[in-house]
Amino acid sequence: MMDSEEVRSSAEREFRRLKLLADRALVQIDDGEFFHTIDPESNSIGVLVKHLAGNMASRWRNLLTEDGEKPNRDRDGEFVIRPEDTRDTLMSAWEEGWAILFETVSALTPTQMTDGKAAIRGERLSVTEALHRQLLHYGYHVGQIVFLAKHLRGARWQVLSIPRGQSRLFNEEPSAYLQPRSTDTP
């Protein structure tokens, strides 16, 4: 059974893995692909970045003392690209959201992990439940970002994990796949 620090550090590690996966997809696309929608009902990668940034800023700021759905959050507006929403401004918000998340999660104490409560839209959750809920939510959207980036890049896509047909090679020499790639961000 994992103790509270193991749960916290495991969640933080998985959040970092999600961010790295998304970042490695995001650096592969150009500005047109960043804002491209594949159909009228789909979100662009830019919208997904904007939504996740808004969610992280709302959920993780004052996690234990305020509801994660802040009154000043414009969730519906996160799904609309406005003229002021450039790739640079959205990526800045993305980095800020992740910074808030990592600062909050890394600062959680064992007592906060075991006894703390977080609220999301009025629902009281244990801190562990809140971590799991957000890991699931972010994993869902990071998967969308990767799918869309891969779709839009086509043959120019640089694989983020084990390339097709190379599982045996990976099993024989896994360290070869753990080296940083040109698409990794510092």
N, C-alpha and C. Protein backbone atom coordinates (compact mmCIF):
# COMPACT_ATOMS: atom_id res chain seq x y z
N MET A 1 0.84 -1.18 0.00
CA MET A 1 0.00 0.00 0.00
C MET A 1 0.89 1.24 0.00
N MET A 2 0.54 2.20 -0.84
CA MET A 2 1.32 3.43 -0.95
C MET A 2 0.98 4.38 0.19
N ASP A 3 2.03 5.01 0.73
CA ASP A 3 1.75 6.05 1.73
C ASP A 3 1.44 7.35 1.00
N SER A 4 1.06 8.36 1.76
CA SER A 4 0.60 9.61 1.16
C SER A 4 1.68 10.30 0.32
N GLU A 5 2.94 10.22 0.74
CA GLU A 5 4.01 10.84 -0.04
C GLU A 5 4.23 10.09 -1.35
N GLU A 6 4.09 8.78 -1.33
CA GLU A 6 4.21 8.01 -2.57
C GLU A 6 3.09 8.35 -3.54
N VAL A 7 1.89 8.53 -3.03
CA VAL A 7 0.76 8.92 -3.88
C VAL A 7 1.02 10.30 -4.49
N ARG A 8 1.44 11.24 -3.67
CA ARG A 8 1.72 12.59 -4.14
C ARG A 8 2.82 12.60 -5.19
N SER A 9 3.93 11.93 -4.90
CA SER A 9 5.06 11.95 -5.84
C SER A 9 4.72 11.17 -7.11
N SER A 10 3.95 10.12 -7.00
CA SER A 10 3.52 9.38 -8.19
C SER A 10 2.62 10.24 -9.07
N ALA A 11 1.69 10.94 -8.45
CA ALA A 11 0.81 11.83 -9.22
C ALA A 11 1.62 12.93 -9.89
N GLU A 12 2.55 13.52 -9.16
CA GLU A 12 3.39 14.58 -9.75
C GLU A 12 4.18 14.04 -10.94
N ARG A 13 4.76 12.86 -10.79
CA ARG A 13 5.50 12.24 -11.90
C ARG A 13 4.61 12.05 -13.12
N GLU A 14 3.38 11.58 -12.91
CA GLU A 14 2.47 11.34 -14.03
C GLU A 14 2.03 12.64 -14.68
N PHE A 15 1.81 13.68 -13.88
CA PHE A 15 1.51 15.00 -14.47
C PHE A 15 2.68 15.47 -15.33
N ARG A 16 3.90 15.28 -14.85
CA ARG A 16 5.07 15.69 -15.62
C ARG A 16 5.19 14.89 -16.91
N ARG A 17 4.86 13.62 -16.86
CA ARG A 17 4.90 12.79 -18.08
C ARG A 17 3.85 13.26 -19.08
N LEU A 18 2.67 13.61 -18.59
CA LEU A 18 1.63 14.13 -19.49
C LEU A 18 2.08 15.44 -20.15
N LYS A 19 2.66 16.33 -19.36
CA LYS A 19 3.12 17.60 -19.92
C LYS A 19 4.20 17.36 -20.97
N LEU A 20 5.15 16.50 -20.68
CA LEU A 20 6.22 16.21 -21.63
C LEU A 20 5.65 15.62 -22.92
N LEU A 21 4.70 14.71 -22.80
CA LEU A 21 4.08 14.11 -23.98
C LEU A 21 3.40 15.18 -24.83
N ALA A 22 2.62 16.04 -24.18
CA ALA A 22 1.95 17.12 -24.91
C ALA A 22 2.97 18.08 -25.52
N ASP A 23 3.97 18.46 -24.74
CA ASP A 23 4.97 19.40 -25.25
C ASP A 23 5.71 18.83 -26.45
N ARG A 24 5.99 17.54 -26.43
CA ARG A 24 6.69 16.91 -27.56
C ARG A 24 5.81 16.85 -28.80
N ALA A 25 4.51 16.82 -28.62
CA ALA A 25 3.60 16.89 -29.77
C ALA A 25 3.48 18.34 -30.24
N LEU A 26 3.37 19.26 -29.29
CA LEU A 26 3.15 20.67 -29.63
C LEU A 26 4.31 21.27 -30.42
N VAL A 27 5.53 20.87 -30.13
CA VAL A 27 6.67 21.45 -30.86
C VAL A 27 6.74 20.97 -32.30
N GLN A 28 5.99 19.93 -32.62
CA GLN A 28 6.02 19.40 -33.99
C GLN A 28 5.07 20.11 -34.93
N ILE A 29 4.14 20.88 -34.40
CA ILE A 29 3.12 21.49 -35.26
C ILE A 29 3.40 22.97 -35.50
N ASP A 30 2.94 23.45 -36.65
CA ASP A 30 3.10 24.87 -36.94
C ASP A 30 1.85 25.63 -36.47
N ASP A 31 1.87 26.94 -36.62
CA ASP A 31 0.76 27.76 -36.12
C ASP A 31 -0.57 27.42 -36.79
N GLY A 32 -0.54 27.13 -38.08
CA GLY A 32 -1.77 26.75 -38.77
C GLY A 32 -2.35 25.47 -38.21
N GLU A 33 -1.50 24.51 -37.94
CA GLU A 33 -1.96 23.24 -37.36
C GLU A 33 -2.43 23.43 -35.92
N PHE A 34 -1.81 24.35 -35.20
CA PHE A 34 -2.18 24.63 -33.82
C PHE A 34 -3.64 25.07 -33.72
N PHE A 35 -4.10 25.84 -34.70
CA PHE A 35 -5.46 26.38 -34.67
C PHE A 35 -6.43 25.64 -35.61
N HIS A 36 -5.98 24.62 -36.29
CA HIS A 36 -6.81 23.90 -37.26
C HIS A 36 -7.84 23.02 -36.55
N THR A 37 -9.07 23.03 -37.05
CA THR A 37 -10.09 22.09 -36.57
C THR A 37 -10.40 21.11 -37.69
N ILE A 38 -10.57 19.86 -37.33
CA ILE A 38 -10.81 18.84 -38.36
C ILE A 38 -12.27 18.77 -38.79
N ASP A 39 -13.15 19.37 -38.02
CA ASP A 39 -14.55 19.52 -38.41
C ASP A 39 -15.18 20.57 -37.51
N PRO A 40 -16.37 21.06 -37.84
CA PRO A 40 -16.96 22.17 -37.08
C PRO A 40 -17.21 21.88 -35.60
N GLU A 41 -17.36 20.63 -35.23
CA GLU A 41 -17.63 20.30 -33.83
C GLU A 41 -16.38 19.91 -33.05
N SER A 42 -15.23 19.94 -33.69
CA SER A 42 -13.98 19.54 -33.03
C SER A 42 -13.24 20.73 -32.45
N ASN A 43 -12.45 20.46 -31.46
CA ASN A 43 -11.57 21.47 -30.89
C ASN A 43 -10.23 21.45 -31.60
N SER A 44 -9.66 22.61 -31.76
CA SER A 44 -8.28 22.68 -32.26
C SER A 44 -7.34 22.39 -31.10
N ILE A 45 -6.09 22.15 -31.44
CA ILE A 45 -5.08 21.98 -30.39
C ILE A 45 -5.01 23.26 -29.57
N GLY A 46 -5.11 24.41 -30.22
CA GLY A 46 -5.09 25.68 -29.49
C GLY A 46 -6.19 25.77 -28.46
N VAL A 47 -7.39 25.32 -28.81
CA VAL A 47 -8.51 25.32 -27.86
C VAL A 47 -8.20 24.38 -26.70
N LEU A 48 -7.65 23.21 -26.98
CA LEU A 48 -7.33 22.26 -25.92
C LEU A 48 -6.27 22.84 -24.97
N VAL A 49 -5.28 23.51 -25.53
CA VAL A 49 -4.26 24.16 -24.71
C VAL A 49 -4.90 25.25 -23.84
N LYS A 50 -5.77 26.05 -24.44
CA LYS A 50 -6.45 27.13 -23.71
C LYS A 50 -7.32 26.56 -22.59
N HIS A 51 -8.06 25.50 -22.88
CA HIS A 51 -8.93 24.88 -21.89
C HIS A 51 -8.11 24.29 -20.73
N LEU A 52 -7.08 23.54 -21.06
CA LEU A 52 -6.27 22.95 -19.99
C LEU A 52 -5.60 24.03 -19.14
N ALA A 53 -5.11 25.08 -19.77
CA ALA A 53 -4.49 26.17 -19.02
C ALA A 53 -5.50 26.81 -18.07
N GLY A 54 -6.70 27.06 -18.54
CA GLY A 54 -7.74 27.63 -17.69
C GLY A 54 -8.13 26.71 -16.56
N ASN A 55 -8.24 25.42 -16.87
CA ASN A 55 -8.58 24.44 -15.85
C ASN A 55 -7.51 24.38 -14.77
N MET A 56 -6.25 24.31 -15.19
CA MET A 56 -5.16 24.20 -14.21
C MET A 56 -5.10 25.43 -13.32
N ALA A 57 -5.21 26.61 -13.90
CA ALA A 57 -5.17 27.84 -13.10
C ALA A 57 -6.31 27.86 -12.09
N SER A 58 -7.48 27.38 -12.48
CA SER A 58 -8.63 27.38 -11.59
C SER A 58 -8.54 26.28 -10.53
N ARG A 59 -8.21 25.08 -10.96
CA ARG A 59 -8.22 23.95 -10.03
C ARG A 59 -7.12 24.00 -8.98
N TRP A 60 -5.93 24.39 -9.39
CA TRP A 60 -4.78 24.21 -8.51
C TRP A 60 -4.46 25.42 -7.64
N ARG A 61 -4.93 26.59 -8.01
CA ARG A 61 -4.69 27.77 -7.17
C ARG A 61 -5.57 27.64 -5.93
N ASN A 62 -4.95 27.69 -4.77
CA ASN A 62 -5.67 27.59 -3.48
C ASN A 62 -6.50 26.30 -3.40
N LEU A 63 -5.87 25.20 -3.76
CA LEU A 63 -6.52 23.89 -3.83
C LEU A 63 -7.31 23.53 -2.58
N LEU A 64 -6.74 23.79 -1.42
CA LEU A 64 -7.36 23.32 -0.17
C LEU A 64 -8.29 24.34 0.48
N THR A 65 -8.34 25.56 -0.06
CA THR A 65 -9.12 26.61 0.61
C THR A 65 -10.23 27.20 -0.25
N GLU A 66 -10.21 26.93 -1.54
CA GLU A 66 -11.24 27.47 -2.43
C GLU A 66 -11.73 26.38 -3.37
N ASP A 67 -12.95 26.53 -3.83
CA ASP A 67 -13.47 25.61 -4.82
C ASP A 67 -12.60 25.70 -6.08
N GLY A 68 -12.37 24.58 -6.71
CA GLY A 68 -11.54 24.53 -7.91
C GLY A 68 -12.18 25.19 -9.11
N GLU A 69 -13.45 25.46 -9.05
CA GLU A 69 -14.13 26.19 -10.13
C GLU A 69 -14.26 27.63 -9.67
N LYS A 70 -13.25 28.43 -9.98
CA LYS A 70 -13.20 29.81 -9.51
C LYS A 70 -14.27 30.66 -10.20
N PRO A 71 -14.83 31.63 -9.47
CA PRO A 71 -15.88 32.49 -10.05
C PRO A 71 -15.41 33.28 -11.27
N ASN A 72 -14.11 33.58 -11.35
CA ASN A 72 -13.62 34.38 -12.48
C ASN A 72 -13.23 33.53 -13.70
N ARG A 73 -13.37 32.23 -13.60
CA ARG A 73 -13.03 31.38 -14.74
C ARG A 73 -14.13 31.46 -15.79
N ASP A 74 -13.71 31.59 -17.04
CA ASP A 74 -14.65 31.60 -18.17
C ASP A 74 -14.46 30.30 -18.95
N ARG A 75 -14.98 29.19 -18.39
CA ARG A 75 -14.79 27.89 -19.01
C ARG A 75 -15.32 27.87 -20.44
N ASP A 76 -16.51 28.41 -20.67
CA ASP A 76 -17.06 28.42 -22.02
C ASP A 76 -16.16 29.20 -22.98
N GLY A 77 -15.56 30.27 -22.50
CA GLY A 77 -14.65 31.07 -23.31
C GLY A 77 -13.37 30.33 -23.68
N GLU A 78 -13.04 29.29 -22.90
CA GLU A 78 -11.85 28.49 -23.21
C GLU A 78 -12.00 27.71 -24.51
N PHE A 79 -13.22 27.56 -24.96
CA PHE A 79 -13.48 26.78 -26.18
C PHE A 79 -13.70 27.66 -27.40
N VAL A 80 -13.33 28.93 -27.26
CA VAL A 80 -13.46 29.90 -28.36
C VAL A 80 -12.10 30.56 -28.54
N ILE A 81 -11.62 30.56 -29.77
CA ILE A 81 -10.38 31.27 -30.08
C ILE A 81 -10.76 32.69 -30.49
N ARG A 82 -10.20 33.64 -29.76
CA ARG A 82 -10.44 35.06 -30.02
C ARG A 82 -9.21 35.67 -30.69
N PRO A 83 -9.34 36.84 -31.29
CA PRO A 83 -8.19 37.45 -31.98
C PRO A 83 -6.95 37.60 -31.10
N GLU A 84 -7.14 37.86 -29.82
CA GLU A 84 -5.99 38.03 -28.93
C GLU A 84 -5.33 36.70 -28.53
N ASP A 85 -5.96 35.58 -28.91
CA ASP A 85 -5.42 34.26 -28.58
C ASP A 85 -4.40 33.83 -29.63
N THR A 86 -3.18 34.27 -29.45
CA THR A 86 -2.11 33.83 -30.34
C THR A 86 -1.52 32.55 -29.77
N ARG A 87 -0.75 31.89 -30.57
CA ARG A 87 -0.08 30.70 -30.06
C ARG A 87 0.80 31.07 -28.87
N ASP A 88 1.51 32.18 -28.97
CA ASP A 88 2.39 32.59 -27.87
C ASP A 88 1.61 32.86 -26.58
N THR A 89 0.47 33.55 -26.67
CA THR A 89 -0.30 33.85 -25.46
C THR A 89 -0.88 32.57 -24.86
N LEU A 90 -1.35 31.67 -25.72
CA LEU A 90 -1.91 30.41 -25.21
C LEU A 90 -0.83 29.52 -24.60
N MET A 91 0.34 29.50 -25.22
CA MET A 91 1.42 28.69 -24.67
C MET A 91 1.95 29.29 -23.37
N SER A 92 1.91 30.59 -23.25
CA SER A 92 2.29 31.23 -21.99
C SER A 92 1.31 30.84 -20.88
N ALA A 93 0.02 30.85 -21.19
CA ALA A 93 -1.00 30.43 -20.21
C ALA A 93 -0.82 28.95 -19.86
N TRP A 94 -0.48 28.14 -20.86
CA TRP A 94 -0.23 26.71 -20.68
C TRP A 94 0.91 26.52 -19.66
N GLU A 95 2.02 27.21 -19.87
CA GLU A 95 3.16 27.09 -18.97
C GLU A 95 2.81 27.58 -17.56
N GLU A 96 2.05 28.67 -17.49
CA GLU A 96 1.63 29.18 -16.19
C GLU A 96 0.72 28.18 -15.46
N GLY A 97 -0.20 27.58 -16.19
CA GLY A 97 -1.09 26.58 -15.58
C GLY A 97 -0.31 25.40 -15.02
N TRP A 98 0.62 24.88 -15.81
CA TRP A 98 1.44 23.76 -15.33
C TRP A 98 2.29 24.17 -14.14
N ALA A 99 2.82 25.39 -14.16
CA ALA A 99 3.64 25.86 -13.03
C ALA A 99 2.81 25.90 -11.75
N ILE A 100 1.58 26.38 -11.84
CA ILE A 100 0.69 26.41 -10.68
C ILE A 100 0.44 25.00 -10.18
N LEU A 101 0.15 24.10 -11.10
CA LEU A 101 -0.09 22.69 -10.74
C LEU A 101 1.12 22.12 -10.02
N PHE A 102 2.31 22.23 -10.64
CA PHE A 102 3.49 21.61 -10.04
C PHE A 102 3.86 22.23 -8.70
N GLU A 103 3.71 23.54 -8.58
CA GLU A 103 3.99 24.20 -7.31
C GLU A 103 3.05 23.68 -6.22
N THR A 104 1.77 23.56 -6.55
CA THR A 104 0.78 23.10 -5.57
C THR A 104 1.00 21.65 -5.20
N VAL A 105 1.15 20.79 -6.20
CA VAL A 105 1.29 19.36 -5.92
C VAL A 105 2.58 19.07 -5.16
N SER A 106 3.68 19.72 -5.54
CA SER A 106 4.95 19.44 -4.86
C SER A 106 4.93 19.92 -3.41
N ALA A 107 4.10 20.90 -3.10
CA ALA A 107 4.05 21.45 -1.73
C ALA A 107 3.10 20.69 -0.81
N LEU A 108 2.31 19.77 -1.34
CA LEU A 108 1.36 19.05 -0.49
C LEU A 108 2.09 18.24 0.57
N THR A 109 1.67 18.40 1.81
CA THR A 109 2.29 17.68 2.93
C THR A 109 1.58 16.34 3.13
N PRO A 110 2.22 15.42 3.84
CA PRO A 110 1.54 14.16 4.15
C PRO A 110 0.20 14.36 4.86
N THR A 111 0.13 15.33 5.76
CA THR A 111 -1.13 15.60 6.47
C THR A 111 -2.19 16.11 5.50
N GLN A 112 -1.80 17.01 4.60
CA GLN A 112 -2.75 17.49 3.60
C GLN A 112 -3.21 16.35 2.69
N MET A 113 -2.31 15.47 2.37
CA MET A 113 -2.67 14.33 1.51
C MET A 113 -3.66 13.40 2.19
N THR A 114 -3.50 13.19 3.49
CA THR A 114 -4.39 12.25 4.18
C THR A 114 -5.66 12.91 4.72
N ASP A 115 -5.55 14.15 5.17
CA ASP A 115 -6.69 14.80 5.82
C ASP A 115 -7.30 15.93 5.02
N GLY A 116 -6.58 16.43 4.01
CA GLY A 116 -7.05 17.58 3.26
C GLY A 116 -8.22 17.27 2.36
N LYS A 117 -8.98 18.30 2.10
CA LYS A 117 -10.13 18.18 1.19
C LYS A 117 -10.00 19.25 0.11
N ALA A 118 -10.45 18.89 -1.06
CA ALA A 118 -10.51 19.83 -2.18
C ALA A 118 -11.95 19.82 -2.67
N ALA A 119 -12.38 20.94 -3.20
CA ALA A 119 -13.74 21.02 -3.74
C ALA A 119 -13.64 21.36 -5.23
N ILE A 120 -14.45 20.68 -6.01
CA ILE A 120 -14.57 20.98 -7.44
C ILE A 120 -16.06 21.07 -7.73
N ARG A 121 -16.48 22.29 -8.09
CA ARG A 121 -17.90 22.57 -8.34
C ARG A 121 -18.79 22.12 -7.17
N GLY A 122 -18.30 22.39 -5.97
CA GLY A 122 -19.06 22.07 -4.77
C GLY A 122 -18.92 20.65 -4.28
N GLU A 123 -18.33 19.78 -5.05
CA GLU A 123 -18.14 18.38 -4.64
C GLU A 123 -16.87 18.28 -3.80
N ARG A 124 -17.01 17.78 -2.57
CA ARG A 124 -15.85 17.62 -1.68
C ARG A 124 -15.14 16.31 -2.01
N LEU A 125 -13.84 16.43 -2.22
CA LEU A 125 -13.02 15.27 -2.57
C LEU A 125 -11.81 15.21 -1.66
N SER A 126 -11.31 14.01 -1.43
CA SER A 126 -10.01 13.92 -0.77
C SER A 126 -8.97 14.46 -1.75
N VAL A 127 -7.83 14.83 -1.26
CA VAL A 127 -6.78 15.32 -2.13
C VAL A 127 -6.39 14.25 -3.15
N THR A 128 -6.32 13.01 -2.71
CA THR A 128 -5.99 11.91 -3.63
C THR A 128 -7.04 11.80 -4.73
N GLU A 129 -8.31 11.91 -4.37
CA GLU A 129 -9.37 11.87 -5.38
C GLU A 129 -9.23 13.03 -6.37
N ALA A 130 -8.91 14.21 -5.87
CA ALA A 130 -8.74 15.37 -6.74
C ALA A 130 -7.56 15.16 -7.69
N LEU A 131 -6.47 14.62 -7.18
CA LEU A 131 -5.32 14.31 -8.04
C LEU A 131 -5.71 13.35 -9.14
N HIS A 132 -6.39 12.27 -8.77
CA HIS A 132 -6.80 11.27 -9.76
C HIS A 132 -7.78 11.85 -10.78
N ARG A 133 -8.70 12.64 -10.31
CA ARG A 133 -9.68 13.24 -11.22
C ARG A 133 -8.98 14.10 -12.27
N GLN A 134 -8.02 14.91 -11.83
CA GLN A 134 -7.33 15.79 -12.77
C GLN A 134 -6.37 15.02 -13.66
N LEU A 135 -5.73 13.98 -13.15
CA LEU A 135 -4.88 13.14 -14.02
C LEU A 135 -5.70 12.54 -15.15
N LEU A 136 -6.88 12.06 -14.83
CA LEU A 136 -7.75 11.50 -15.85
C LEU A 136 -8.17 12.56 -16.86
N HIS A 137 -8.58 13.71 -16.38
CA HIS A 137 -9.01 14.80 -17.25
C HIS A 137 -7.88 15.24 -18.18
N TYR A 138 -6.70 15.48 -17.62
CA TYR A 138 -5.58 15.95 -18.43
C TYR A 138 -5.10 14.88 -19.39
N GLY A 139 -5.12 13.62 -18.95
CA GLY A 139 -4.73 12.53 -19.85
C GLY A 139 -5.65 12.44 -21.06
N TYR A 140 -6.93 12.65 -20.83
CA TYR A 140 -7.92 12.64 -21.91
C TYR A 140 -7.58 13.72 -22.95
N HIS A 141 -7.32 14.93 -22.48
CA HIS A 141 -7.05 16.02 -23.42
C HIS A 141 -5.65 15.96 -24.02
N VAL A 142 -4.67 15.50 -23.27
CA VAL A 142 -3.33 15.32 -23.86
C VAL A 142 -3.40 14.28 -24.96
N GLY A 143 -4.17 13.23 -24.76
CA GLY A 143 -4.37 12.24 -25.83
C GLY A 143 -4.97 12.86 -27.07
N GLN A 144 -5.91 13.79 -26.89
CA GLN A 144 -6.49 14.50 -28.03
C GLN A 144 -5.44 15.35 -28.73
N ILE A 145 -4.61 16.04 -27.96
CA ILE A 145 -3.56 16.87 -28.55
C ILE A 145 -2.62 16.02 -29.38
N VAL A 146 -2.18 14.90 -28.82
CA VAL A 146 -1.26 14.01 -29.54
C VAL A 146 -1.93 13.46 -30.80
N PHE A 147 -3.17 13.02 -30.69
CA PHE A 147 -3.88 12.48 -31.85
C PHE A 147 -3.97 13.53 -32.96
N LEU A 148 -4.40 14.73 -32.59
CA LEU A 148 -4.56 15.78 -33.60
C LEU A 148 -3.21 16.17 -34.22
N ALA A 149 -2.20 16.31 -33.40
CA ALA A 149 -0.88 16.67 -33.93
C ALA A 149 -0.38 15.59 -34.89
N LYS A 150 -0.54 14.33 -34.50
CA LYS A 150 -0.09 13.23 -35.37
C LYS A 150 -0.89 13.23 -36.67
N HIS A 151 -2.19 13.42 -36.57
CA HIS A 151 -3.05 13.47 -37.75
C HIS A 151 -2.62 14.60 -38.68
N LEU A 152 -2.41 15.76 -38.12
CA LEU A 152 -2.08 16.94 -38.93
C LEU A 152 -0.68 16.86 -39.52
N ARG A 153 0.24 16.24 -38.85
CA ARG A 153 1.62 16.13 -39.35
C ARG A 153 1.77 15.02 -40.38
N GLY A 154 0.95 14.00 -40.29
CA GLY A 154 1.05 12.90 -41.24
C GLY A 154 2.43 12.26 -41.24
N ALA A 155 3.02 12.14 -42.41
CA ALA A 155 4.32 11.48 -42.57
C ALA A 155 5.45 12.26 -41.88
N ARG A 156 5.21 13.52 -41.56
CA ARG A 156 6.24 14.33 -40.90
C ARG A 156 6.27 14.13 -39.38
N TRP A 157 5.34 13.34 -38.86
CA TRP A 157 5.22 13.11 -37.43
C TRP A 157 6.45 12.36 -36.90
N GLN A 158 6.98 12.83 -35.78
CA GLN A 158 8.06 12.13 -35.09
C GLN A 158 7.44 11.37 -33.92
N VAL A 159 7.59 10.07 -33.95
CA VAL A 159 6.97 9.18 -32.96
C VAL A 159 7.41 9.57 -31.55
N LEU A 160 6.47 9.52 -30.62
CA LEU A 160 6.73 9.90 -29.24
C LEU A 160 7.04 8.71 -28.33
N SER A 161 6.82 7.53 -28.84
CA SER A 161 7.09 6.34 -28.02
C SER A 161 7.81 5.31 -28.91
N ILE A 162 7.46 4.08 -28.81
CA ILE A 162 8.11 3.03 -29.58
C ILE A 162 7.51 3.02 -30.99
N PRO A 163 8.33 3.19 -32.03
CA PRO A 163 7.81 3.17 -33.39
C PRO A 163 7.21 1.80 -33.74
N ARG A 164 6.26 1.82 -34.64
CA ARG A 164 5.64 0.57 -35.09
C ARG A 164 6.72 -0.41 -35.54
N GLY A 165 6.50 -1.66 -35.16
CA GLY A 165 7.41 -2.71 -35.59
C GLY A 165 8.72 -2.76 -34.83
N GLN A 166 8.88 -1.93 -33.81
CA GLN A 166 10.16 -1.91 -33.11
C GLN A 166 10.05 -2.32 -31.64
N SER A 167 8.96 -2.97 -31.27
CA SER A 167 8.79 -3.41 -29.88
C SER A 167 9.89 -4.38 -29.46
N ARG A 168 10.24 -5.30 -30.34
CA ARG A 168 11.29 -6.27 -29.99
C ARG A 168 12.61 -5.54 -29.74
N LEU A 169 12.94 -4.59 -30.61
CA LEU A 169 14.18 -3.82 -30.40
C LEU A 169 14.13 -3.07 -29.08
N PHE A 170 12.95 -2.50 -28.77
CA PHE A 170 12.80 -1.79 -27.50
C PHE A 170 13.06 -2.73 -26.33
N ASN A 171 12.47 -3.92 -26.39
CA ASN A 171 12.63 -4.87 -25.30
C ASN A 171 14.09 -5.30 -25.14
N GLU A 172 14.83 -5.33 -26.23
CA GLU A 172 16.24 -5.72 -26.17
C GLU A 172 17.14 -4.57 -25.72
N GLU A 173 16.77 -3.33 -26.08
CA GLU A 173 17.60 -2.16 -25.78
C GLU A 173 16.74 -0.96 -25.40
N PRO A 174 16.02 -1.03 -24.25
CA PRO A 174 15.10 0.06 -23.89
C PRO A 174 15.80 1.41 -23.70
N SER A 175 17.04 1.41 -23.29
CA SER A 175 17.72 2.68 -23.04
C SER A 175 17.85 3.51 -24.31
N ALA A 176 17.85 2.87 -25.46
CA ALA A 176 17.95 3.61 -26.73
C ALA A 176 16.72 4.50 -26.95
N TYR A 177 15.61 4.14 -26.34
CA TYR A 177 14.38 4.91 -26.51
C TYR A 177 14.20 5.96 -25.42
N LEU A 178 15.06 5.94 -24.44
CA LEU A 178 14.94 6.89 -23.34
C LEU A 178 15.81 8.12 -23.53
N GLN A 179 16.54 8.17 -24.63
CA GLN A 179 17.37 9.33 -24.92
C GLN A 179 16.50 10.50 -25.34
N PRO A 180 16.87 11.72 -24.97
CA PRO A 180 16.09 12.90 -25.41
C PRO A 180 16.06 12.98 -26.93
N ARG A 181 14.93 13.41 -27.45
CA ARG A 181 14.78 13.59 -28.89
C ARG A 181 14.81 15.07 -29.18
N SER A 182 14.96 15.40 -30.42
CA SER A 182 15.04 16.82 -30.81
C SER A 182 13.75 17.56 -30.46
N THR A 183 12.64 16.82 -30.29
CA THR A 183 11.37 17.47 -29.97
C THR A 183 11.16 17.63 -28.47
N ASP A 184 12.10 17.08 -27.66
CA ASP A 184 11.95 17.25 -26.21
C ASP A 184 12.24 18.69 -25.84
N THR A 185 11.47 19.19 -24.90
CA THR A 185 11.71 20.55 -24.41
C THR A 185 12.46 20.44 -23.10
N PRO A 186 13.28 21.42 -22.77
CA PRO A 186 14.05 21.36 -21.52
C PRO A 186 13.15 21.38 -20.30
